[in-house]
């Protein structure tokens, strides 16, 4: 019974739930980025490269015989995956860089001094004047 209780405490801790939410949001964000790359960024790049589709590039290891399909090394799919990864990584980098710039602007604005700091400054000034 003790192990079930320990597991229940572990599973409902805030850290585990926060991690699960982060993973779910990460997967959803991954789908958005994949769509951005595949549907928005890659078509213009494909046009700029003359309509080259890397995913169809392959080397035939063994020709197709009767109903057996050909054995292929699909290096084009690998190249396409590398290009997609590079674009996705750059897109995420730019998004994080933009968010960090916004955070720095928020942090750069100095906070107004607290009441305690104002009181201490007043006491300091009074002590300086009495000398």
C-alpha atoms as a PDB file:
ATOM      1  CA  UNK A   1       0.000   0.000   0.000  1.00  0.00           C
ATOM      2  CA  UNK A   2       2.933   2.341   0.691  1.00  0.00           C
ATOM      3  CA  UNK A   3       4.170   2.221  -2.914  1.00  0.00           C
ATOM      4  CA  UNK A   4       0.751   3.210  -4.292  1.00  0.00           C
ATOM      5  CA  UNK A   5       0.612   6.143  -1.867  1.00  0.00           C
ATOM      6  CA  UNK A   6       4.123   7.263  -2.875  1.00  0.00           C
ATOM      7  CA  UNK A   7       3.225   7.031  -6.566  1.00  0.00           C
ATOM      8  CA  UNK A   8       0.040   9.043  -5.998  1.00  0.00           C
ATOM      9  CA  UNK A   9       2.019  11.772  -4.199  1.00  0.00           C
ATOM     10  CA  UNK A  10       4.591  11.792  -7.012  1.00  0.00           C
ATOM     11  CA  UNK A  11       1.990  11.904  -9.801  1.00  0.00           C
ATOM     12  CA  UNK A  12      -0.019  14.793  -8.382  1.00  0.00           C
ATOM     13  CA  UNK A  13       2.930  16.986  -7.391  1.00  0.00           C
ATOM     14  CA  UNK A  14       2.981  20.366  -9.094  1.00  0.00           C
ATOM     15  CA  UNK A  15       6.305  19.663 -10.815  1.00  0.00           C
ATOM     16  CA  UNK A  16       4.989  16.584 -12.630  1.00  0.00           C
ATOM     17  CA  UNK A  17       1.833  18.371 -13.743  1.00  0.00           C
ATOM     18  CA  UNK A  18       3.851  21.414 -14.866  1.00  0.00           C
ATOM     19  CA  UNK A  19       6.135  19.122 -16.857  1.00  0.00           C
ATOM     20  CA  UNK A  20       3.160  17.376 -18.482  1.00  0.00           C
ATOM     21  CA  UNK A  21       1.620  20.711 -19.453  1.00  0.00           C
ATOM     22  CA  UNK A  22       4.970  21.831 -20.868  1.00  0.00           C
ATOM     23  CA  UNK A  23       5.255  18.680 -22.960  1.00  0.00           C
ATOM     24  CA  UNK A  24       1.703  19.039 -24.299  1.00  0.00           C
ATOM     25  CA  UNK A  25       2.259  22.685 -25.206  1.00  0.00           C
ATOM     26  CA  UNK A  26       5.641  21.770 -26.724  1.00  0.00           C
ATOM     27  CA  UNK A  27       4.043  19.154 -28.972  1.00  0.00           C
ATOM     28  CA  UNK A  28       1.359  21.609 -30.074  1.00  0.00           C
ATOM     29  CA  UNK A  29       3.998  24.296 -30.710  1.00  0.00           C
ATOM     30  CA  UNK A  30       6.013  21.729 -32.668  1.00  0.00           C
ATOM     31  CA  UNK A  31       3.026  21.182 -34.962  1.00  0.00           C
ATOM     32  CA  UNK A  32       2.735  24.938 -35.497  1.00  0.00           C
ATOM     33  CA  UNK A  33       6.435  25.228 -36.367  1.00  0.00           C
ATOM     34  CA  UNK A  34       6.245  22.176 -38.671  1.00  0.00           C
ATOM     35  CA  UNK A  35       3.303  23.746 -40.497  1.00  0.00           C
ATOM     36  CA  UNK A  36       5.124  27.084 -40.703  1.00  0.00           C
ATOM     37  CA  UNK A  37       8.162  25.433 -42.240  1.00  0.00           C
ATOM     38  CA  UNK A  38       6.309  23.024 -44.536  1.00  0.00           C
ATOM     39  CA  UNK A  39       3.471  25.274 -45.659  1.00  0.00           C
ATOM     40  CA  UNK A  40       4.883  28.812 -45.484  1.00  0.00           C
ATOM     41  CA  UNK A  41       8.693  28.823 -45.610  1.00  0.00           C
ATOM     42  CA  UNK A  42       9.563  25.813 -47.812  1.00  0.00           C
ATOM     43  CA  UNK A  43       7.382  26.660 -50.869  1.00  0.00           C
ATOM     44  CA  UNK A  44       9.237  29.944 -51.586  1.00  0.00           C
ATOM     45  CA  UNK A  45      12.569  28.216 -50.953  1.00  0.00           C
ATOM     46  CA  UNK A  46      11.526  25.462 -53.372  1.00  0.00           C
ATOM     47  CA  UNK A  47      10.664  28.072 -56.004  1.00  0.00           C
ATOM     48  CA  UNK A  48      13.984  29.871 -55.384  1.00  0.00           C
ATOM     49  CA  UNK A  49      15.849  26.591 -55.859  1.00  0.00           C
ATOM     50  CA  UNK A  50      14.018  25.877 -59.102  1.00  0.00           C
ATOM     51  CA  UNK A  51      11.421  23.504 -57.692  1.00  0.00           C
ATOM     52  CA  UNK A  52      13.956  20.947 -56.477  1.00  0.00           C
ATOM     53  CA  UNK A  53      12.332  18.355 -54.231  1.00  0.00           C
ATOM     54  CA  UNK A  54      15.046  16.660 -52.205  1.00  0.00           C
ATOM     55  CA  UNK A  55      12.715  14.013 -50.780  1.00  0.00           C
ATOM     56  CA  UNK A  56      12.552  12.135 -54.090  1.00  0.00           C
ATOM     57  CA  UNK A  57      16.334  11.691 -54.378  1.00  0.00           C
ATOM     58  CA  UNK A  58      17.461   8.114 -53.798  1.00  0.00           C
ATOM     59  CA  UNK A  59      19.912   5.409 -54.803  1.00  0.00           C
ATOM     60  CA  UNK A  60      18.535   2.103 -56.003  1.00  0.00           C
ATOM     61  CA  UNK A  61      20.250  -0.752 -54.159  1.00  0.00           C
ATOM     62  CA  UNK A  62      18.129  -3.498 -55.689  1.00  0.00           C
ATOM     63  CA  UNK A  63      15.649  -3.130 -58.544  1.00  0.00           C
ATOM     64  CA  UNK A  64      12.018  -4.099 -58.069  1.00  0.00           C
ATOM     65  CA  UNK A  65      11.345  -7.723 -58.987  1.00  0.00           C
ATOM     66  CA  UNK A  66       7.788  -8.797 -59.773  1.00  0.00           C
ATOM     67  CA  UNK A  67       5.785  -7.841 -56.653  1.00  0.00           C
ATOM     68  CA  UNK A  68       8.768  -7.057 -54.436  1.00  0.00           C
ATOM     69  CA  UNK A  69       9.422  -3.319 -54.229  1.00  0.00           C
ATOM     70  CA  UNK A  70      12.818  -1.844 -55.008  1.00  0.00           C
ATOM     71  CA  UNK A  71      15.303  -1.376 -52.180  1.00  0.00           C
ATOM     72  CA  UNK A  72      16.256   2.290 -51.991  1.00  0.00           C
ATOM     73  CA  UNK A  73      18.575   4.492 -49.975  1.00  0.00           C
ATOM     74  CA  UNK A  74      16.440   7.616 -49.692  1.00  0.00           C
ATOM     75  CA  UNK A  75      19.134  10.168 -48.978  1.00  0.00           C
ATOM     76  CA  UNK A  76      16.857  12.931 -50.283  1.00  0.00           C
ATOM     77  CA  UNK A  77      14.465  12.473 -47.370  1.00  0.00           C
ATOM     78  CA  UNK A  78      17.451  12.753 -45.039  1.00  0.00           C
ATOM     79  CA  UNK A  79      18.615  15.970 -46.734  1.00  0.00           C
ATOM     80  CA  UNK A  80      15.074  17.363 -46.549  1.00  0.00           C
ATOM     81  CA  UNK A  81      14.922  16.519 -42.840  1.00  0.00           C
ATOM     82  CA  UNK A  82      18.233  18.320 -42.240  1.00  0.00           C
ATOM     83  CA  UNK A  83      16.970  21.389 -44.121  1.00  0.00           C
ATOM     84  CA  UNK A  84      13.679  21.307 -42.178  1.00  0.00           C
ATOM     85  CA  UNK A  85      15.572  20.991 -38.878  1.00  0.00           C
ATOM     86  CA  UNK A  86      17.833  23.923 -39.745  1.00  0.00           C
ATOM     87  CA  UNK A  87      14.874  26.131 -40.638  1.00  0.00           C
ATOM     88  CA  UNK A  88      12.930  25.052 -37.531  1.00  0.00           C
ATOM     89  CA  UNK A  89      15.960  25.647 -35.280  1.00  0.00           C
ATOM     90  CA  UNK A  90      16.503  29.103 -36.799  1.00  0.00           C
ATOM     91  CA  UNK A  91      12.811  29.969 -36.446  1.00  0.00           C
ATOM     92  CA  UNK A  92      12.760  28.914 -32.789  1.00  0.00           C
ATOM     93  CA  UNK A  93      16.039  30.805 -32.200  1.00  0.00           C
ATOM     94  CA  UNK A  94      14.538  34.001 -33.635  1.00  0.00           C
ATOM     95  CA  UNK A  95      11.357  33.567 -31.554  1.00  0.00           C
ATOM     96  CA  UNK A  96      13.349  33.062 -28.342  1.00  0.00           C
ATOM     97  CA  UNK A  97      15.619  35.979 -29.206  1.00  0.00           C
ATOM     98  CA  UNK A  98      12.556  38.198 -29.714  1.00  0.00           C
ATOM     99  CA  UNK A  99      11.023  37.101 -26.410  1.00  0.00           C
ATOM    100  CA  UNK A 100      14.307  37.725 -24.595  1.00  0.00           C
ATOM    101  CA  UNK A 101      14.493  41.214 -26.087  1.00  0.00           C
ATOM    102  CA  UNK A 102      11.002  41.934 -24.772  1.00  0.00           C
ATOM    103  CA  UNK A 103      11.958  40.619 -21.326  1.00  0.00           C
ATOM    104  CA  UNK A 104      15.060  42.830 -21.235  1.00  0.00           C
ATOM    105  CA  UNK A 105      12.941  45.889 -22.005  1.00  0.00           C
ATOM    106  CA  UNK A 106      10.608  44.998 -19.141  1.00  0.00           C
ATOM    107  CA  UNK A 107      13.512  44.392 -16.764  1.00  0.00           C
ATOM    108  CA  UNK A 108      15.344  47.537 -17.866  1.00  0.00           C
ATOM    109  CA  UNK A 109      12.684  49.851 -16.468  1.00  0.00           C
ATOM    110  CA  UNK A 110      13.825  50.533 -12.905  1.00  0.00           C
ATOM    111  CA  UNK A 111      11.234  49.992 -10.238  1.00  0.00           C
ATOM    112  CA  UNK A 112      10.225  52.912  -8.066  1.00  0.00           C
ATOM    113  CA  UNK A 113      11.936  52.830  -4.676  1.00  0.00           C
ATOM    114  CA  UNK A 114       9.944  51.131  -1.957  1.00  0.00           C
ATOM    115  CA  UNK A 115       8.670  52.986   1.123  1.00  0.00           C
ATOM    116  CA  UNK A 116      11.441  51.408   3.175  1.00  0.00           C
ATOM    117  CA  UNK A 117      14.110  52.632   0.753  1.00  0.00           C
ATOM    118  CA  UNK A 118      12.599  56.140   0.785  1.00  0.00           C
ATOM    119  CA  UNK A 119      12.608  56.161   4.593  1.00  0.00           C
ATOM    120  CA  UNK A 120      16.217  54.967   4.729  1.00  0.00           C
ATOM    121  CA  UNK A 121      17.259  57.633   2.222  1.00  0.00           C
ATOM    122  CA  UNK A 122      15.498  60.291   4.315  1.00  0.00           C
ATOM    123  CA  UNK A 123      17.247  59.073   7.483  1.00  0.00           C
ATOM    124  CA  UNK A 124      20.590  59.074   5.644  1.00  0.00           C
ATOM    125  CA  UNK A 125      20.025  62.635   4.467  1.00  0.00           C
ATOM    126  CA  UNK A 126      19.040  63.758   7.983  1.00  0.00           C
ATOM    127  CA  UNK A 127      22.149  62.173   9.466  1.00  0.00           C
ATOM    128  CA  UNK A 128      24.324  63.824   6.828  1.00  0.00           C
ATOM    129  CA  UNK A 129      22.790  67.238   7.620  1.00  0.00           C
ATOM    130  CA  UNK A 130      23.482  66.926  11.364  1.00  0.00           C
ATOM    131  CA  UNK A 131      27.249  66.601  10.864  1.00  0.00           C
END
